[in-house]
Amino acid sequence: MTKPMTFPLTAAALSLMALPALSDTVTGNLTVRDVLCVGSSCANDTIGEFGFNDFEDIRLKSINTWLRFEDTSNNAGLPTNDWMLRVNDLGSGGEDYIAFEDIDASTVPFRVDAAAPTDALRVTASGNIGIGTGMPAALMHMRSGDTPTLMLEQDGSGTFSPYLWELAGNENFLFFRGRTSLSAPFPVIPFKIFPGGSDTVDAFVISGNGDIGLGTDAPEAALHVAGTSMLIKDKGRVNFTLSDTSDPGPDFRTQLTAGTARFSFVGTGAPEMELFQSGDLAIRGRYISAGTTLTVPDYV
């Protein structure tokens, strides 16, 4: 077994060594005490390079400070992927960053740009992930000064059209919205949840079979409203339609328009019954009571 060689490596010591002009090969183990500077821009003396700063162990100093990890395994079944720790682009006008490159796959799966804020990404000892916070209080904790947003983008690189969804929240409400691209204008927000309402329980529930409960966590129908009233409100005609998909007959509609309540089968041309604010009731067909068709004098 080769005994490790241990010695302090200084500029003065290097100057006394007969080193080849282009390279030096050390066979065996090598220990460098204090600080090691590697690269074409390192100073010729350690004091000039590091001063009295001994907080570093290794300094890479060059025009291109990239560190390559090359796996030379050649036995079957052993991993062989090569990696690169890249710092900044090479050419003029390039970008400043630090990144991990998968050399074999020609991909850069992880990158941090220069001037990224503190705690842009934080992983705690418990495994919690913080985005914008150094103290994530949940498995995923996002923090921002204005409307933290989670974006889901389908970019069109597959066979489907581009579209993106946003889930965001602020002091006003939690909301969903969607748009076709980042440059598209913000649409009307279709879904909102307002803060507060501590006395509101099970305001909106979807059960395992798809039933929807409003005010109940155990809906007993496709739509189960547990409350004292229900309001359908819109500008102009307001309709409530019942449709039996097993029957080819027309749907039945209740409609409020111009202060008149109408009850009709859809597509018959006119409402079968109308109730006016005066209390008058108009029936387009006959009035039948207990199987008997009545004439006007019979029920007036």
Protein backbone atom coordinates (compact mmCIF):
# COMPACT_ATOMS: atom_id res chain seq x y z
CA MET A 1 0.00 0.00 0.00
CA THR A 2 1.39 3.41 -0.94
CA LYS A 3 1.91 5.66 2.07
CA PRO A 4 0.15 9.07 1.66
CA MET A 5 2.46 12.03 1.14
CA THR A 6 1.59 15.01 3.35
CA PHE A 7 3.31 18.38 3.02
CA PRO A 8 2.38 22.07 2.90
CA LEU A 9 2.32 23.31 -0.68
CA THR A 10 3.46 26.92 -1.02
CA ALA A 11 4.64 29.07 -3.88
CA ALA A 12 8.16 28.99 -2.51
CA ALA A 13 8.13 25.21 -2.35
CA LEU A 14 6.83 25.00 -5.89
CA SER A 15 9.57 27.32 -7.11
CA LEU A 16 12.20 24.91 -5.78
CA MET A 17 10.66 21.88 -7.47
CA ALA A 18 11.87 20.89 -10.90
CA LEU A 19 8.48 20.86 -12.61
CA PRO A 20 7.91 20.15 -16.29
CA ALA A 21 6.79 23.16 -18.29
CA LEU A 22 3.35 21.85 -19.19
CA SER A 23 2.21 19.39 -16.55
CA ASP A 24 3.01 17.61 -13.32
CA THR A 25 1.92 14.14 -12.32
CA VAL A 26 1.82 12.99 -8.71
CA THR A 27 1.66 9.24 -8.15
CA GLY A 28 0.06 8.39 -4.82
CA ASN A 29 -1.92 10.46 -2.38
CA LEU A 30 -1.47 14.21 -2.15
CA THR A 31 -2.40 16.46 0.76
CA VAL A 32 -2.44 20.23 0.45
CA ARG A 33 -2.63 22.13 3.70
CA ASP A 34 -4.15 25.60 3.96
CA VAL A 35 -5.58 26.83 0.65
CA LEU A 36 -5.25 25.58 -2.93
CA CYS A 37 -5.68 27.86 -5.94
CA VAL A 38 -6.21 26.21 -9.31
CA GLY A 39 -6.36 28.07 -12.61
CA SER A 40 -4.38 30.25 -14.95
CA SER A 41 -5.23 33.44 -13.07
CA CYS A 42 -3.85 32.36 -9.66
CA ALA A 43 -1.15 34.64 -8.20
CA ASN A 44 2.44 33.42 -7.95
CA ASP A 45 2.55 33.76 -4.18
CA THR A 46 0.03 32.62 -1.60
CA ILE A 47 -0.02 35.91 0.30
CA GLY A 48 -0.73 37.81 -2.89
CA GLU A 49 -3.49 35.41 -3.78
CA PHE A 50 -5.21 34.83 -0.45
CA GLY A 51 -3.82 37.46 1.92
CA PHE A 52 -4.70 36.38 5.41
CA ASN A 53 -8.03 34.86 4.43
CA ASP A 54 -8.02 31.20 5.38
CA PHE A 55 -11.79 30.63 5.06
CA GLU A 56 -11.40 28.96 1.68
CA ASP A 57 -10.02 25.51 0.96
CA ILE A 58 -10.02 25.50 -2.85
CA ARG A 59 -10.20 28.45 -5.22
CA LEU A 60 -10.81 28.05 -8.96
CA LYS A 61 -9.54 31.15 -10.71
CA SER A 62 -9.52 31.45 -14.47
CA ILE A 63 -11.35 32.97 -17.40
CA ASN A 64 -13.40 29.77 -17.57
CA THR A 65 -14.03 28.20 -14.16
CA TRP A 66 -15.73 24.94 -15.02
CA LEU A 67 -15.30 21.75 -13.00
CA ARG A 68 -15.78 18.43 -14.79
CA PHE A 69 -16.61 15.07 -13.18
CA GLU A 70 -15.66 12.31 -15.62
CA ASP A 71 -16.50 8.70 -14.72
CA THR A 72 -14.07 6.27 -16.40
CA SER A 73 -15.86 3.10 -15.28
CA ASN A 74 -15.81 0.47 -18.02
CA ASN A 75 -17.21 -2.63 -16.29
CA ALA A 76 -20.70 -3.70 -17.31
CA GLY A 77 -23.43 -2.42 -15.03
CA LEU A 78 -21.45 0.42 -13.47
CA PRO A 79 -22.69 4.01 -13.82
CA THR A 80 -20.62 6.07 -16.25
CA ASN A 81 -22.40 9.41 -16.61
CA ASP A 82 -20.21 12.52 -16.76
CA TRP A 83 -21.15 15.85 -15.15
CA MET A 84 -19.97 19.43 -15.27
CA LEU A 85 -20.26 22.24 -12.74
CA ARG A 86 -20.46 25.29 -14.98
CA VAL A 87 -19.93 28.90 -13.95
CA ASN A 88 -20.99 31.56 -16.48
CA ASP A 89 -21.10 31.48 -20.27
CA LEU A 90 -17.90 31.57 -22.29
CA GLY A 91 -18.58 34.13 -25.00
CA SER A 92 -18.99 37.88 -24.90
CA GLY A 93 -22.47 38.94 -23.87
CA GLY A 94 -23.13 35.62 -22.16
CA GLU A 95 -25.01 35.09 -18.94
CA ASP A 96 -23.79 34.84 -15.35
CA TYR A 97 -24.88 31.73 -13.44
CA ILE A 98 -23.80 28.50 -11.78
CA ALA A 99 -25.28 25.28 -13.16
CA PHE A 100 -25.03 21.50 -13.23
CA GLU A 101 -24.70 20.02 -16.71
CA ASP A 102 -25.40 16.41 -17.62
CA ILE A 103 -22.65 16.03 -20.19
CA ASP A 104 -23.84 12.70 -21.60
CA ALA A 105 -27.42 13.93 -22.06
CA SER A 106 -26.42 17.48 -23.08
CA THR A 107 -28.88 18.97 -20.60
CA VAL A 108 -28.69 21.50 -17.77
CA PRO A 109 -31.17 20.24 -15.16
CA PHE A 110 -30.27 22.79 -12.47
CA ARG A 111 -29.19 26.42 -12.70
CA VAL A 112 -28.99 29.46 -10.43
CA ASP A 113 -28.66 32.85 -12.11
CA ALA A 114 -26.50 35.62 -10.68
CA ALA A 115 -28.32 38.04 -8.33
CA ALA A 116 -30.93 35.42 -7.42
CA PRO A 117 -32.46 36.49 -4.09
CA THR A 118 -31.68 34.88 -0.76
CA ASP A 119 -33.81 31.78 -0.10
CA ALA A 120 -35.03 31.59 -3.69
CA LEU A 121 -34.93 27.84 -3.04
CA ARG A 122 -34.46 26.29 0.40
CA VAL A 123 -34.63 22.65 1.50
CA THR A 124 -34.71 22.17 5.27
CA ALA A 125 -33.48 19.22 7.29
CA SER A 126 -37.09 17.98 7.55
CA GLY A 127 -37.43 17.93 3.76
CA ASN A 128 -39.67 20.99 3.54
CA ILE A 129 -39.11 23.11 0.42
CA GLY A 130 -39.19 26.88 0.62
CA ILE A 131 -39.58 29.16 -2.40
CA GLY A 132 -38.90 32.71 -1.30
CA THR A 133 -38.59 31.72 2.36
CA GLY A 134 -35.81 30.29 4.49
CA MET A 135 -38.25 28.82 7.02
CA PRO A 136 -40.74 26.67 5.07
CA ALA A 137 -43.55 25.63 7.40
CA ALA A 138 -45.01 22.99 5.05
CA LEU A 139 -43.79 20.43 2.53
CA MET A 140 -44.00 23.18 -0.09
CA HIS A 141 -44.05 26.78 1.12
CA MET A 142 -44.17 29.70 -1.35
CA ARG A 143 -43.69 33.25 -0.11
CA SER A 144 -43.98 36.54 -1.97
CA GLY A 145 -44.78 40.16 -1.18
CA ASP A 146 -47.60 40.28 -3.71
CA THR A 147 -49.92 37.47 -4.79
CA PRO A 148 -47.77 34.29 -4.69
CA THR A 149 -48.70 32.26 -7.76
CA LEU A 150 -48.36 28.66 -8.91
CA MET A 151 -48.37 28.35 -12.71
CA LEU A 152 -49.10 25.19 -14.74
CA GLU A 153 -48.13 25.63 -18.39
CA GLN A 154 -48.75 23.32 -21.33
CA ASP A 155 -46.26 24.76 -23.84
CA GLY A 156 -47.45 23.12 -27.05
CA SER A 157 -44.30 21.03 -27.45
CA GLY A 158 -46.48 17.91 -27.54
CA THR A 159 -49.62 17.31 -29.56
CA PHE A 160 -51.82 19.62 -27.50
CA SER A 161 -52.44 23.36 -27.82
CA PRO A 162 -50.60 25.75 -25.49
CA TYR A 163 -52.48 26.77 -22.35
CA LEU A 164 -51.61 27.72 -18.80
CA TRP A 165 -53.42 27.81 -15.48
CA GLU A 166 -52.60 29.92 -12.45
CA LEU A 167 -53.46 29.30 -8.80
CA ALA A 168 -52.83 32.43 -6.78
CA GLY A 169 -53.83 34.06 -3.53
CA ASN A 170 -53.68 37.39 -1.74
CA GLU A 171 -55.51 39.35 0.95
CA ASN A 172 -58.64 39.50 -1.20
CA PHE A 173 -59.16 35.89 -2.30
CA LEU A 174 -57.70 32.61 -3.53
CA PHE A 175 -58.39 32.19 -7.24
CA PHE A 176 -57.94 30.16 -10.41
CA ARG A 177 -57.56 31.63 -13.87
CA GLY A 178 -56.39 30.42 -17.28
CA ARG A 179 -55.07 31.94 -20.48
CA THR A 180 -53.59 30.78 -23.77
CA SER A 181 -50.08 32.20 -23.25
CA LEU A 182 -47.96 34.40 -21.01
CA SER A 183 -48.49 37.34 -23.37
CA ALA A 184 -52.28 36.91 -23.46
CA PRO A 185 -54.32 39.36 -21.37
CA PHE A 186 -55.58 38.26 -17.99
CA PRO A 187 -59.11 36.87 -18.31
CA VAL A 188 -62.05 37.19 -15.97
CA ILE A 189 -61.42 35.07 -12.86
CA PRO A 190 -63.94 32.16 -12.89
CA PHE A 191 -63.31 30.80 -9.37
CA LYS A 192 -62.65 32.63 -6.09
CA ILE A 193 -62.51 31.73 -2.40
CA PHE A 194 -62.70 34.66 -0.02
CA PRO A 195 -60.87 34.73 3.34
CA GLY A 196 -62.70 34.75 6.68
CA GLY A 197 -66.06 33.12 7.12
CA SER A 198 -64.99 31.09 10.15
CA ASP A 199 -68.60 30.01 10.67
CA THR A 200 -68.84 28.63 7.12
CA VAL A 201 -68.35 24.86 7.12
CA ASP A 202 -68.35 22.68 3.98
CA ALA A 203 -69.17 25.64 1.73
CA PHE A 204 -68.21 23.56 -1.30
CA VAL A 205 -67.69 19.79 -1.24
CA ILE A 206 -67.25 17.22 -4.02
CA SER A 207 -67.86 13.69 -2.80
CA GLY A 208 -66.17 10.53 -4.00
CA ASN A 209 -69.02 9.75 -6.43
CA GLY A 210 -68.97 13.25 -7.93
CA ASP A 211 -71.95 14.70 -6.05
CA ILE A 212 -71.59 18.36 -5.09
CA GLY A 213 -72.55 19.64 -1.69
CA LEU A 214 -73.09 23.30 -0.82
CA GLY A 215 -73.14 23.58 2.96
CA THR A 216 -72.92 19.82 3.48
CA ASP A 217 -70.10 17.29 3.43
CA ALA A 218 -72.45 14.42 2.57
CA PRO A 219 -74.34 15.40 -0.60
CA GLU A 220 -77.22 13.04 -1.41
CA ALA A 221 -77.77 14.18 -4.99
CA ALA A 222 -75.82 15.52 -7.95
CA LEU A 223 -76.31 18.96 -6.36
CA HIS A 224 -77.27 19.12 -2.70
CA VAL A 225 -77.84 22.57 -1.20
CA ALA A 226 -78.10 22.65 2.58
CA GLY A 227 -79.47 26.07 3.47
CA THR A 228 -82.56 28.20 3.84
CA SER A 229 -82.52 29.70 0.35
CA MET A 230 -80.95 29.52 -3.10
CA LEU A 231 -80.58 32.44 -5.52
CA ILE A 232 -80.03 32.33 -9.28
CA LYS A 233 -79.19 35.82 -10.48
CA ASP A 234 -78.36 37.32 -13.87
CA LYS A 235 -79.13 40.29 -16.07
CA GLY A 236 -82.13 39.61 -18.34
CA ARG A 237 -83.84 36.24 -18.53
CA VAL A 238 -82.99 33.74 -15.81
CA ASN A 239 -83.65 30.07 -16.56
CA PHE A 240 -83.69 26.85 -14.56
CA THR A 241 -83.96 23.82 -16.86
CA LEU A 242 -84.66 20.15 -16.09
CA SER A 243 -83.55 17.61 -18.69
CA ASP A 244 -84.25 13.87 -18.73
CA THR A 245 -81.50 12.37 -20.91
CA SER A 246 -83.37 9.04 -21.12
CA ASP A 247 -86.45 10.68 -22.70
CA PRO A 248 -86.40 12.16 -26.22
CA GLY A 249 -89.12 14.61 -25.17
CA PRO A 250 -88.48 18.31 -24.57
CA ASP A 251 -86.78 19.71 -21.48
CA PHE A 252 -88.80 21.57 -18.85
CA ARG A 253 -87.86 25.15 -18.04
CA THR A 254 -88.73 27.62 -15.32
CA GLN A 255 -88.00 31.17 -16.41
CA LEU A 256 -88.15 34.65 -14.92
CA THR A 257 -88.34 37.43 -17.48
CA ALA A 258 -89.63 41.00 -17.23
CA GLY A 259 -91.22 40.26 -13.85
CA THR A 260 -93.18 37.26 -15.15
CA ALA A 261 -92.62 33.66 -14.06
CA ARG A 262 -92.99 31.23 -16.96
CA PHE A 263 -93.26 27.43 -16.89
CA SER A 264 -92.86 25.69 -20.21
CA PHE A 265 -91.50 22.79 -22.21
CA VAL A 266 -88.55 23.93 -24.31
CA GLY A 267 -89.30 24.25 -28.01
CA THR A 268 -93.12 24.34 -27.84
CA GLY A 269 -93.22 27.96 -29.02
CA ALA A 270 -94.86 29.58 -25.98
CA PRO A 271 -94.99 29.07 -22.21
CA GLU A 272 -97.63 26.61 -21.05
CA MET A 273 -98.21 28.65 -17.88
CA GLU A 274 -97.41 32.21 -16.77
CA LEU A 275 -97.67 33.80 -13.34
CA PHE A 276 -97.84 37.60 -13.24
CA GLN A 277 -96.91 39.94 -10.37
CA SER A 278 -100.60 40.90 -10.09
CA GLY A 279 -101.39 37.31 -9.16
CA ASP A 280 -103.00 36.51 -12.51
CA LEU A 281 -102.28 33.04 -13.86
CA ALA A 282 -102.44 32.25 -17.57
CA ILE A 283 -102.73 28.64 -18.74
CA ARG A 284 -102.32 27.84 -22.42
CA GLY A 285 -103.97 24.41 -22.15
CA ARG A 286 -106.97 23.04 -20.30
CA TYR A 287 -107.49 22.99 -16.52
CA ILE A 288 -108.10 19.44 -15.26
CA SER A 289 -109.15 18.67 -11.69
CA ALA A 290 -109.56 15.07 -10.47
CA GLY A 291 -109.72 13.85 -14.05
CA THR A 292 -112.41 16.35 -15.02
CA THR A 293 -111.77 19.07 -17.59
CA LEU A 294 -113.16 22.32 -16.26
CA THR A 295 -114.34 25.36 -18.17
CA VAL A 296 -113.75 28.89 -17.03
CA PRO A 297 -117.01 29.29 -15.02
CA ASP A 298 -116.21 26.03 -13.18
CA TYR A 299 -113.07 27.32 -11.44
CA VAL A 300 -113.46 31.11 -11.37
